[in-house]
N, C-alpha and C. Protein backbone atom coordinates (compact mmCIF):
# COMPACT_ATOMS: atom_id res chain seq x y z
N MET A 1 52.84 74.29 36.75
CA MET A 1 52.56 73.21 36.52
C MET A 1 53.57 72.11 36.21
N ALA A 2 54.07 71.20 36.83
CA ALA A 2 55.27 70.36 36.51
C ALA A 2 55.07 69.67 35.60
N GLY A 3 55.97 69.20 34.17
CA GLY A 3 55.93 68.58 32.87
C GLY A 3 55.87 67.56 33.19
N ARG A 4 55.88 66.31 32.20
CA ARG A 4 55.90 64.64 32.33
C ARG A 4 57.24 64.27 32.93
N ILE A 5 58.06 65.22 32.44
CA ILE A 5 59.70 64.22 32.59
C ILE A 5 59.75 65.09 34.35
N GLU A 6 59.59 65.63 34.41
CA GLU A 6 59.77 66.44 36.11
C GLU A 6 58.89 65.67 37.10
N ALA A 7 57.65 64.93 36.34
CA ALA A 7 56.13 63.98 36.98
C ALA A 7 57.29 62.94 37.29
N ARG A 8 58.00 62.27 35.70
CA ARG A 8 58.45 60.83 35.94
C ARG A 8 59.37 61.01 36.87
N LEU A 9 60.19 61.78 37.28
CA LEU A 9 61.52 61.78 37.94
C LEU A 9 61.09 62.04 39.69
N LYS A 10 59.98 62.21 39.71
CA LYS A 10 59.20 62.29 40.69
C LYS A 10 58.75 61.61 41.32
N GLU A 11 58.26 60.50 40.21
CA GLU A 11 57.51 58.94 40.53
C GLU A 11 58.27 58.17 40.69
N LEU A 12 59.63 58.28 40.20
CA LEU A 12 60.82 57.65 40.11
C LEU A 12 61.48 57.94 41.72
N GLY A 13 61.04 58.66 42.31
CA GLY A 13 62.08 59.34 43.51
C GLY A 13 63.52 59.97 43.22
N ILE A 14 63.58 60.24 42.47
CA ILE A 14 64.74 61.16 41.72
C ILE A 14 65.06 62.28 42.22
N GLU A 15 65.91 62.68 42.50
CA GLU A 15 66.15 63.94 43.38
C GLU A 15 67.53 64.44 42.31
N LEU A 16 67.22 65.56 41.65
CA LEU A 16 68.50 65.86 40.53
C LEU A 16 69.17 67.21 41.61
N PRO A 17 70.91 66.90 41.32
CA PRO A 17 71.88 67.38 41.94
C PRO A 17 71.76 68.90 41.73
N GLN A 18 72.66 69.66 42.13
CA GLN A 18 72.60 71.51 41.77
C GLN A 18 73.76 71.13 40.31
N ALA A 19 73.31 72.29 39.34
CA ALA A 19 74.21 72.10 38.38
C ALA A 19 75.68 72.93 38.29
N ALA A 20 76.55 71.43 37.92
CA ALA A 20 77.64 71.61 38.53
C ALA A 20 78.62 72.63 37.37
N ALA A 21 79.24 73.56 37.79
CA ALA A 21 80.52 74.74 37.16
C ALA A 21 81.30 73.87 36.29
N PRO A 22 81.75 74.56 35.12
CA PRO A 22 82.95 74.12 34.67
C PRO A 22 84.16 74.18 35.44
N VAL A 23 84.71 73.23 35.40
CA VAL A 23 86.05 73.41 35.97
C VAL A 23 87.54 74.15 35.35
N ALA A 24 87.03 73.97 34.18
CA ALA A 24 88.45 74.51 33.12
C ALA A 24 87.95 75.44 31.93
N ALA A 25 88.47 75.32 30.97
CA ALA A 25 88.36 76.47 29.60
C ALA A 25 87.06 75.90 28.83
N TYR A 26 85.69 75.75 29.37
CA TYR A 26 84.98 75.05 28.22
C TYR A 26 83.37 75.71 29.35
N VAL A 27 82.40 75.10 28.43
CA VAL A 27 80.82 75.83 28.95
C VAL A 27 80.14 74.60 28.85
N PRO A 28 79.29 74.07 29.99
CA PRO A 28 78.69 72.90 30.30
C PRO A 28 77.60 72.13 28.57
N TYR A 29 77.32 73.06 28.13
CA TYR A 29 76.41 72.76 27.12
C TYR A 29 76.90 73.96 26.14
N THR A 30 76.47 73.48 24.97
CA THR A 30 76.45 74.49 23.82
C THR A 30 75.51 73.85 22.68
N GLN A 31 74.20 74.70 22.45
CA GLN A 31 73.54 74.28 21.09
C GLN A 31 73.82 74.48 19.73
N SER A 32 73.47 73.89 18.87
CA SER A 32 73.08 74.05 17.17
C SER A 32 72.13 73.75 16.93
N GLY A 33 71.14 74.12 16.29
CA GLY A 33 69.73 74.06 15.93
C GLY A 33 69.39 73.31 16.82
N ASN A 34 68.49 72.40 16.67
CA ASN A 34 67.95 71.55 17.86
C ASN A 34 68.59 70.20 18.54
N THR A 35 69.81 70.77 18.36
CA THR A 35 70.69 69.90 19.16
C THR A 35 71.91 70.07 19.95
N LEU A 36 71.69 69.37 21.23
CA LEU A 36 72.08 70.14 22.30
C LEU A 36 73.24 69.18 22.70
N TYR A 37 74.62 69.72 22.78
CA TYR A 37 75.58 69.39 23.11
C TYR A 37 76.24 69.14 24.59
N VAL A 38 75.97 68.07 25.50
CA VAL A 38 76.39 68.20 27.21
C VAL A 38 77.93 67.74 27.36
N SER A 39 78.50 68.48 27.73
CA SER A 39 79.96 68.73 28.06
C SER A 39 80.08 67.30 28.85
N GLY A 40 81.11 66.66 29.06
CA GLY A 40 81.57 65.63 30.31
C GLY A 40 80.98 65.92 31.76
N GLN A 41 79.97 64.92 32.16
CA GLN A 41 79.51 64.81 33.45
C GLN A 41 80.34 63.84 34.19
N VAL A 42 81.14 64.33 35.59
CA VAL A 42 81.72 63.63 36.33
C VAL A 42 81.01 62.98 37.55
N THR A 43 81.43 62.59 38.99
CA THR A 43 80.80 62.01 39.63
C THR A 43 80.61 63.00 41.01
N VAL A 44 79.84 64.55 40.27
CA VAL A 44 80.14 65.24 41.35
C VAL A 44 78.72 65.39 41.89
N TRP A 45 78.24 65.67 43.38
CA TRP A 45 76.97 65.67 43.47
C TRP A 45 76.82 66.96 45.05
N ASN A 46 76.24 68.13 43.97
CA ASN A 46 75.84 69.46 44.98
C ASN A 46 77.74 69.73 45.23
N GLY A 47 78.57 69.63 43.94
CA GLY A 47 80.10 70.40 44.62
C GLY A 47 80.86 69.25 45.24
N GLU A 48 80.42 68.39 45.61
CA GLU A 48 81.13 66.85 46.43
C GLU A 48 81.53 65.90 45.53
N ARG A 49 83.06 66.02 45.00
CA ARG A 49 83.26 64.61 44.51
C ARG A 49 82.89 63.49 44.98
N ARG A 50 82.57 62.36 44.20
CA ARG A 50 81.89 61.13 44.75
C ARG A 50 82.63 59.81 43.86
N PHE A 51 82.81 58.88 44.16
CA PHE A 51 83.52 57.87 43.53
C PHE A 51 84.70 57.96 43.05
N VAL A 52 85.75 58.63 43.89
CA VAL A 52 87.09 59.02 43.54
C VAL A 52 88.05 57.79 43.16
N GLY A 53 88.65 57.02 42.44
CA GLY A 53 89.51 55.75 42.19
C GLY A 53 89.31 55.32 40.85
N LYS A 54 89.81 54.07 40.78
CA LYS A 54 89.71 53.67 39.43
C LYS A 54 88.78 52.06 39.65
N LEU A 55 87.85 51.56 38.55
CA LEU A 55 87.40 50.44 38.43
C LEU A 55 88.14 49.35 38.60
N GLY A 56 87.70 48.39 39.19
CA GLY A 56 88.73 47.08 39.45
C GLY A 56 90.08 46.93 40.02
N GLN A 57 89.66 47.97 41.30
CA GLN A 57 90.75 48.10 42.28
C GLN A 57 89.94 49.00 43.30
N ASP A 58 89.56 50.33 43.26
CA ASP A 58 88.37 50.79 44.26
C ASP A 58 87.20 50.70 44.27
N PHE A 59 86.58 50.29 42.68
CA PHE A 59 85.32 50.35 42.34
C PHE A 59 84.85 48.54 42.54
N THR A 60 83.57 48.21 42.57
CA THR A 60 83.03 47.20 42.12
C THR A 60 82.52 47.69 40.48
N VAL A 61 81.92 46.96 39.65
CA VAL A 61 81.05 47.31 38.24
C VAL A 61 79.24 47.90 39.14
N GLU A 62 79.23 47.32 39.94
CA GLU A 62 77.85 48.16 40.47
C GLU A 62 78.57 49.45 41.02
N GLN A 63 78.99 49.66 41.77
CA GLN A 63 79.27 51.06 42.34
C GLN A 63 80.02 52.10 41.06
N GLY A 64 80.29 51.10 39.98
CA GLY A 64 80.62 52.06 38.64
C GLY A 64 79.47 52.42 38.03
N GLN A 65 78.41 51.70 37.98
CA GLN A 65 77.08 51.56 37.59
C GLN A 65 76.68 53.14 38.41
N GLN A 66 76.65 52.96 39.56
CA GLN A 66 76.77 53.73 40.38
C GLN A 66 76.59 55.48 40.24
N ALA A 67 78.06 54.81 39.79
CA ALA A 67 79.05 56.45 39.68
C ALA A 67 78.06 56.93 37.93
N ALA A 68 78.05 55.79 37.09
CA ALA A 68 77.66 56.08 35.71
C ALA A 68 76.08 56.92 35.97
N ARG A 69 75.55 56.21 36.82
CA ARG A 69 73.85 57.41 36.75
C ARG A 69 73.67 58.52 37.62
N LEU A 70 74.94 58.73 38.44
CA LEU A 70 75.43 60.01 39.11
C LEU A 70 75.99 60.95 37.55
N CYS A 71 76.58 60.28 36.83
CA CYS A 71 77.03 61.42 35.85
C CYS A 71 75.97 61.64 34.81
N ALA A 72 75.03 60.84 34.82
CA ALA A 72 73.48 61.00 33.86
C ALA A 72 72.97 61.64 35.01
N LEU A 73 72.37 61.89 35.61
CA LEU A 73 72.00 63.23 36.16
C LEU A 73 72.52 64.59 36.33
N ASN A 74 73.88 64.44 36.55
CA ASN A 74 74.17 66.12 36.42
C ASN A 74 73.72 66.44 34.58
N ILE A 75 74.23 65.02 33.79
CA ILE A 75 73.75 65.47 32.39
C ILE A 75 72.10 66.12 31.79
N ILE A 76 71.39 65.34 33.29
CA ILE A 76 69.73 65.60 33.38
C ILE A 76 69.77 67.06 33.42
N VAL A 77 70.68 67.52 34.61
CA VAL A 77 70.61 69.14 35.26
C VAL A 77 70.71 69.72 33.83
N GLN A 78 72.31 69.46 33.36
CA GLN A 78 72.87 71.06 32.49
C GLN A 78 71.28 70.64 31.29
N ALA A 79 70.93 69.61 30.79
CA ALA A 79 69.76 69.68 30.31
C ALA A 79 68.59 70.77 30.13
N LYS A 80 68.21 70.28 31.49
CA LYS A 80 67.47 71.42 32.19
C LYS A 80 67.78 72.50 32.01
N ALA A 81 68.54 73.25 32.46
CA ALA A 81 69.22 74.45 32.19
C ALA A 81 69.25 74.99 30.50
N ALA A 82 69.37 74.04 29.90
CA ALA A 82 69.81 74.44 28.32
C ALA A 82 68.60 75.01 27.60
N CYS A 83 67.41 74.11 28.65
CA CYS A 83 66.14 74.18 28.42
C CYS A 83 65.31 74.91 28.97
N GLY A 84 65.91 75.76 29.83
CA GLY A 84 64.99 76.73 30.52
C GLY A 84 64.29 76.33 31.58
N GLY A 85 64.63 74.60 32.33
CA GLY A 85 63.77 74.32 33.31
C GLY A 85 63.06 73.81 32.69
N ASP A 86 62.65 73.40 31.16
CA ASP A 86 61.56 72.53 31.32
C ASP A 86 62.32 71.43 29.99
N LEU A 87 62.46 70.21 31.00
CA LEU A 87 62.92 69.09 30.55
C LEU A 87 61.91 68.23 29.23
N ASP A 88 60.91 68.78 29.13
CA ASP A 88 59.81 68.26 28.19
C ASP A 88 60.68 68.53 26.66
N ARG A 89 61.22 69.76 26.65
CA ARG A 89 61.44 69.91 25.43
C ARG A 89 62.73 68.93 24.92
N VAL A 90 63.31 67.83 25.69
CA VAL A 90 64.26 67.13 25.13
C VAL A 90 63.39 65.76 24.20
N VAL A 91 63.45 65.40 23.55
CA VAL A 91 62.96 65.04 22.16
C VAL A 91 63.03 63.51 22.15
N ARG A 92 64.64 63.65 22.42
CA ARG A 92 65.37 62.39 22.44
C ARG A 92 67.04 62.53 22.78
N VAL A 93 67.48 60.93 23.42
CA VAL A 93 68.80 61.36 24.10
C VAL A 93 69.50 60.61 22.81
N LEU A 94 70.34 61.34 22.09
CA LEU A 94 70.74 60.71 20.90
C LEU A 94 72.21 60.03 20.81
N ARG A 95 73.04 60.20 22.16
CA ARG A 95 73.71 59.91 22.07
C ARG A 95 74.46 60.06 23.20
N LEU A 96 75.35 58.58 24.08
CA LEU A 96 76.34 59.31 25.38
C LEU A 96 77.76 58.89 25.06
N GLY A 97 78.37 59.30 25.17
CA GLY A 97 80.08 58.94 25.83
C GLY A 97 80.65 58.69 26.78
N GLY A 98 80.93 57.44 27.49
CA GLY A 98 81.31 56.83 28.54
C GLY A 98 82.71 56.61 28.80
N PHE A 99 83.36 57.29 29.51
CA PHE A 99 84.56 56.93 29.76
C PHE A 99 84.78 56.18 31.59
N VAL A 100 85.80 55.59 31.65
CA VAL A 100 85.82 54.80 32.62
C VAL A 100 87.06 54.72 33.42
N ASN A 101 87.43 55.19 34.33
CA ASN A 101 88.69 55.02 34.87
C ASN A 101 89.01 53.74 35.52
N GLY A 102 89.39 52.98 34.59
CA GLY A 102 89.80 51.58 35.17
C GLY A 102 91.39 51.29 35.30
N THR A 103 91.57 50.00 36.09
CA THR A 103 92.74 49.46 35.80
C THR A 103 93.08 48.62 34.42
N PRO A 104 94.43 48.57 34.34
CA PRO A 104 94.79 48.05 33.02
C PRO A 104 94.00 46.62 32.56
N ASP A 105 93.52 46.23 33.63
CA ASP A 105 92.81 44.73 33.37
C ASP A 105 91.76 44.60 33.61
N PHE A 106 90.91 45.82 33.53
CA PHE A 106 89.76 46.15 33.83
C PHE A 106 88.92 45.99 32.41
N HIS A 107 87.81 45.01 32.09
CA HIS A 107 86.91 45.45 30.95
C HIS A 107 85.67 45.57 30.79
N ASP A 108 85.03 45.61 31.73
CA ASP A 108 83.52 45.75 31.91
C ASP A 108 83.08 47.30 31.51
N HIS A 109 83.88 48.27 30.75
CA HIS A 109 83.34 49.50 30.97
C HIS A 109 81.64 49.36 30.32
N PRO A 110 81.40 48.68 29.47
CA PRO A 110 80.21 48.44 28.88
C PRO A 110 79.14 48.14 30.14
N LEU A 111 79.05 47.62 30.71
CA LEU A 111 78.48 47.52 32.25
C LEU A 111 78.24 48.54 33.01
N VAL A 112 79.55 49.60 33.01
CA VAL A 112 79.52 50.29 34.33
C VAL A 112 78.96 51.25 33.37
N ILE A 113 78.97 51.64 32.17
CA ILE A 113 77.99 52.42 31.55
C ILE A 113 76.55 52.49 31.52
N ASN A 114 76.43 51.77 31.43
CA ASN A 114 74.76 51.21 31.15
C ASN A 114 74.11 51.61 32.59
N GLY A 115 74.76 52.23 33.87
CA GLY A 115 73.96 52.83 34.57
C GLY A 115 73.86 54.20 34.54
N ALA A 116 73.95 55.02 33.08
CA ALA A 116 74.10 55.92 32.58
C ALA A 116 73.04 55.74 31.96
N SER A 117 72.81 54.74 30.84
CA SER A 117 72.20 54.41 30.02
C SER A 117 70.55 53.93 30.20
N GLU A 118 70.85 52.98 31.35
CA GLU A 118 69.65 52.91 32.16
C GLU A 118 68.52 54.01 32.53
N LEU A 119 69.28 55.18 33.22
CA LEU A 119 68.78 55.91 33.80
C LEU A 119 67.89 56.81 32.33
N MET A 120 68.62 56.71 31.67
CA MET A 120 67.98 57.89 30.59
C MET A 120 66.98 56.96 29.75
N MET A 121 66.77 55.56 30.26
CA MET A 121 65.18 55.01 29.46
C MET A 121 64.76 55.12 30.30
N GLN A 122 64.60 55.30 31.54
CA GLN A 122 63.80 55.15 33.15
C GLN A 122 63.18 56.49 32.65
N VAL A 123 63.72 57.68 32.56
CA VAL A 123 63.13 58.79 32.95
C VAL A 123 63.13 59.50 31.76
N PHE A 124 63.39 58.87 30.32
CA PHE A 124 62.86 60.06 29.19
C PHE A 124 61.88 59.01 28.00
N GLY A 125 62.01 57.58 28.53
CA GLY A 125 61.43 56.59 28.04
C GLY A 125 62.05 55.91 27.22
N ASP A 126 61.15 55.64 25.70
CA ASP A 126 61.92 55.14 24.29
C ASP A 126 62.54 56.12 23.92
N ALA A 127 62.33 57.29 24.14
CA ALA A 127 63.22 58.83 24.31
C ALA A 127 64.29 58.79 24.39
N GLY A 128 64.73 57.62 25.67
CA GLY A 128 66.37 58.03 25.74
C GLY A 128 66.48 56.64 25.34
N LYS A 129 66.55 55.89 24.82
CA LYS A 129 67.16 54.94 24.27
C LYS A 129 68.30 55.50 23.23
N HIS A 130 69.86 55.10 22.99
CA HIS A 130 70.26 56.06 22.12
C HIS A 130 71.76 55.09 21.86
N ALA A 131 72.96 55.65 21.02
CA ALA A 131 73.87 55.45 20.66
C ALA A 131 74.65 55.80 21.56
N ARG A 132 75.85 55.23 21.55
CA ARG A 132 76.87 54.93 22.82
C ARG A 132 78.61 54.42 22.71
N ALA A 133 79.11 54.81 23.11
CA ALA A 133 80.44 54.59 23.85
C ALA A 133 80.67 54.34 24.92
N ALA A 134 81.68 53.30 25.14
CA ALA A 134 81.81 53.01 26.15
C ALA A 134 83.32 52.60 26.13
N VAL A 135 84.13 53.57 26.79
CA VAL A 135 86.09 53.08 26.82
C VAL A 135 86.71 53.40 28.13
N GLY A 136 88.05 52.99 28.48
CA GLY A 136 88.39 52.66 29.27
C GLY A 136 89.39 54.27 29.07
N ALA A 137 90.03 54.71 30.42
CA ALA A 137 91.17 55.49 30.24
C ALA A 137 91.89 55.15 31.22
N PRO A 138 93.14 55.56 31.04
CA PRO A 138 94.24 55.33 32.34
C PRO A 138 93.53 56.54 33.79
N SER A 139 92.98 57.14 33.18
CA SER A 139 92.67 58.35 34.50
C SER A 139 92.01 59.46 34.30
N LEU A 140 90.99 59.68 34.92
CA LEU A 140 90.51 60.65 34.41
C LEU A 140 90.34 62.23 35.03
N PRO A 141 89.53 63.04 35.00
CA PRO A 141 89.68 64.20 36.07
C PRO A 141 89.74 64.07 37.70
N GLY A 142 90.25 64.98 38.32
CA GLY A 142 90.23 64.54 39.71
C GLY A 142 90.30 63.42 39.98
N ASN A 143 90.46 62.18 39.10
CA ASN A 143 90.69 60.89 39.71
C ASN A 143 89.24 60.50 39.71
N VAL A 144 88.16 60.82 38.83
CA VAL A 144 86.89 60.26 38.83
C VAL A 144 86.65 58.82 38.38
N ALA A 145 85.63 58.37 38.98
CA ALA A 145 86.11 56.89 38.50
C ALA A 145 85.34 56.84 37.35
N VAL A 146 83.95 57.59 36.66
CA VAL A 146 83.55 57.82 35.37
C VAL A 146 82.86 58.98 35.26
N GLU A 147 83.01 59.37 33.63
CA GLU A 147 82.56 60.56 32.82
C GLU A 147 81.47 60.06 32.32
N VAL A 148 80.70 60.96 31.37
CA VAL A 148 79.71 60.62 30.65
C VAL A 148 79.21 62.12 30.23
N ASP A 149 79.28 62.11 28.63
CA ASP A 149 78.71 63.04 27.66
C ASP A 149 77.70 62.77 27.10
N ALA A 150 76.69 64.00 26.51
CA ALA A 150 75.78 63.32 25.74
C ALA A 150 75.40 64.59 24.49
N ILE A 151 74.61 63.45 23.91
CA ILE A 151 74.18 64.85 22.71
C ILE A 151 72.39 64.48 22.99
N LEU A 152 71.55 65.68 22.92
CA LEU A 152 70.63 65.63 22.99
C LEU A 152 69.86 66.12 21.57
N GLU A 153 68.47 65.88 21.52
CA GLU A 153 67.65 66.48 20.47
C GLU A 153 66.79 67.12 21.24
N LEU A 154 66.61 68.54 20.81
CA LEU A 154 65.63 68.90 21.87
C LEU A 154 64.34 69.53 20.81
N ALA A 155 63.32 70.37 21.17
CA ALA A 155 62.20 70.25 20.49
C ALA A 155 62.39 72.28 20.83
């Protein structure tokens, strides 16, 4: 039987991508006690890199929000793997860290990362409200537009 978060995803019409494998010397997540640390997730959908380029040059803020949302979907997939498939074990999204590959004159990093934040609140409700950082970067791995990492509390 599907849990309440799986039911919520279905209600929202949200399909999750396949979990992305690490591309360097790290693991997708680690857990210490009830705290889950999810490594930075980039704009990959089932092995295909999307949103390759810079905000302020190749992408609008709205497209950047879609990119951040994709990163958040990948965070949820990694959390699902860490929880043995049971997303109801996520008690709270504690923090998101957002990185935006933007031009030197791009300044709307927080608006871009809202794409990830809003998805977490849609999926997890009040438990999706979190602390956050949104910073600019001169480049990101594979020249993707956005990367987001997360810290979650588990039951």
